């Protein structure tokens, strides 16, 4: 069993930056960030493989968000720049997925409880 703990969320103004972190209690494979806004489906944000070599982003976020991870035992980060109100959501850390299925929420074995990000205009 693996526990994932997100941190770094908060309330910011549009245009601000925020850096989220996710720490896993045990070594995991690929990890990802997902987010869910009220009344909306859970949305893929970004994923990174087990050693931080490969990454994947939602098309609309690639130029503004950056996911990083320096190794299987290291935290996963999400640097979010130029935040806007549409980024308001609970951001979840997820882990232990086959890389080819990283865009499928149902394929993730472990999920964190989420960290709230609120962006005001």
Protein backbone atom coordinates (compact mmCIF):
# COMPACT_ATOMS: atom_id res chain seq x y z
CA UNK A 1 0.00 0.00 0.00
CA UNK A 2 1.20 3.47 -0.89
CA UNK A 3 0.12 6.77 0.56
CA UNK A 4 0.43 9.96 -1.44
CA UNK A 5 0.46 13.38 0.17
CA UNK A 6 0.01 16.59 -1.78
CA UNK A 7 0.97 20.01 -0.53
CA UNK A 8 1.48 23.52 -1.79
CA UNK A 9 -2.05 24.51 -2.67
CA UNK A 10 -3.57 27.79 -1.67
CA UNK A 11 -5.42 30.89 -2.77
CA UNK A 12 -3.70 33.18 -5.24
CA UNK A 13 -4.49 35.92 -7.69
CA UNK A 14 -4.59 35.50 -11.44
CA UNK A 15 -1.10 35.63 -12.88
CA UNK A 16 0.55 34.22 -9.77
CA UNK A 17 2.58 31.04 -9.55
CA UNK A 18 2.29 28.06 -7.29
CA UNK A 19 4.37 24.95 -6.78
CA UNK A 20 2.72 21.72 -5.70
CA UNK A 21 4.51 18.74 -4.21
CA UNK A 22 3.60 15.11 -3.85
CA UNK A 23 5.42 12.73 -1.56
CA UNK A 24 4.92 8.98 -1.75
CA UNK A 25 5.34 6.73 1.26
CA UNK A 26 6.97 4.06 -0.88
CA UNK A 27 8.71 3.81 -4.21
CA UNK A 28 6.25 4.07 -7.08
CA UNK A 29 6.42 4.02 -10.84
CA UNK A 30 4.92 6.67 -13.05
CA UNK A 31 3.14 9.50 -11.28
CA UNK A 32 0.76 12.18 -12.40
CA UNK A 33 -1.21 15.23 -11.45
CA UNK A 34 -4.94 15.35 -12.02
CA UNK A 35 -7.38 18.05 -11.11
CA UNK A 36 -11.09 18.35 -10.59
CA UNK A 37 -13.14 21.52 -10.46
CA UNK A 38 -16.62 21.64 -8.95
CA UNK A 39 -19.17 20.08 -11.26
CA UNK A 40 -16.54 18.91 -13.74
CA UNK A 41 -14.87 15.64 -14.59
CA UNK A 42 -11.45 14.82 -13.29
CA UNK A 43 -8.92 16.18 -15.75
CA UNK A 44 -5.45 15.00 -16.61
CA UNK A 45 -2.79 17.63 -15.93
CA UNK A 46 0.64 16.07 -16.30
CA UNK A 47 2.53 12.84 -15.77
CA UNK A 48 6.16 11.86 -15.28
CA UNK A 49 7.77 8.45 -15.48
CA UNK A 50 9.49 6.64 -12.65
CA UNK A 51 12.82 8.43 -12.91
CA UNK A 52 11.69 11.75 -14.33
CA UNK A 53 12.95 11.12 -17.85
CA UNK A 54 9.67 11.34 -19.74
CA UNK A 55 6.78 13.68 -19.16
CA UNK A 56 3.37 14.30 -20.63
CA UNK A 57 1.05 17.29 -20.37
CA UNK A 58 -2.46 18.20 -21.21
CA UNK A 59 -2.19 20.18 -24.43
CA UNK A 60 -3.62 23.34 -22.92
CA UNK A 61 -1.18 23.34 -20.02
CA UNK A 62 2.15 22.29 -21.50
CA UNK A 63 3.56 25.77 -21.92
CA UNK A 64 2.49 26.97 -18.50
CA UNK A 65 2.86 24.00 -16.16
CA UNK A 66 5.97 21.94 -15.57
CA UNK A 67 6.12 18.57 -13.86
CA UNK A 68 9.37 17.28 -12.46
CA UNK A 69 10.76 14.36 -10.55
CA UNK A 70 14.41 13.51 -9.98
CA UNK A 71 13.96 9.82 -9.27
CA UNK A 72 11.67 7.14 -7.94
CA UNK A 73 12.36 8.13 -4.34
CA UNK A 74 12.00 11.86 -4.92
CA UNK A 75 8.91 14.02 -4.64
CA UNK A 76 6.97 14.94 -7.72
CA UNK A 77 6.43 18.63 -8.31
CA UNK A 78 4.10 20.71 -10.39
CA UNK A 79 5.21 24.25 -11.12
CA UNK A 80 2.21 26.27 -12.17
CA UNK A 81 2.76 29.67 -13.73
CA UNK A 82 0.42 32.37 -14.96
CA UNK A 83 -2.47 30.89 -13.07
CA UNK A 84 -5.97 31.87 -14.06
CA UNK A 85 -9.38 31.22 -12.50
CA UNK A 86 -9.90 28.23 -14.79
CA UNK A 87 -7.09 26.51 -12.90
CA UNK A 88 -9.15 26.52 -9.73
CA UNK A 89 -9.60 22.91 -8.69
CA UNK A 90 -8.54 20.25 -6.28
CA UNK A 91 -5.24 18.89 -7.52
CA UNK A 92 -4.62 15.22 -6.95
CA UNK A 93 -1.45 13.22 -7.02
CA UNK A 94 -1.78 9.76 -8.55
CA UNK A 95 0.73 6.98 -8.95
CA UNK A 96 1.62 3.54 -10.14
CA UNK A 97 0.35 3.41 -13.68
CA UNK A 98 1.72 1.90 -16.85
CA UNK A 99 3.17 4.73 -18.88
CA UNK A 100 1.10 3.99 -21.96
CA UNK A 101 -2.09 4.30 -19.92
CA UNK A 102 -1.19 7.50 -18.09
CA UNK A 103 -4.14 9.40 -19.54
CA UNK A 104 -6.65 6.99 -18.01
CA UNK A 105 -7.65 7.83 -14.46
CA UNK A 106 -9.00 4.35 -13.82
CA UNK A 107 -5.57 2.84 -14.39
CA UNK A 108 -3.95 4.56 -11.42
CA UNK A 109 -3.54 2.44 -8.34
CA UNK A 110 -2.96 5.15 -5.75
CA UNK A 111 -4.42 8.60 -5.21
CA UNK A 112 -3.75 11.35 -2.75
CA UNK A 113 -6.49 13.26 -1.00
CA UNK A 114 -5.85 16.41 -2.98
CA UNK A 115 -4.77 19.97 -2.37
CA UNK A 116 -7.00 22.93 -3.15
CA UNK A 117 -5.86 25.57 -5.59
CA UNK A 118 -8.02 28.66 -5.85
CA UNK A 119 -7.24 31.42 -8.32
CA UNK A 120 -9.10 34.70 -8.07
CA UNK A 121 -9.45 37.24 -10.86
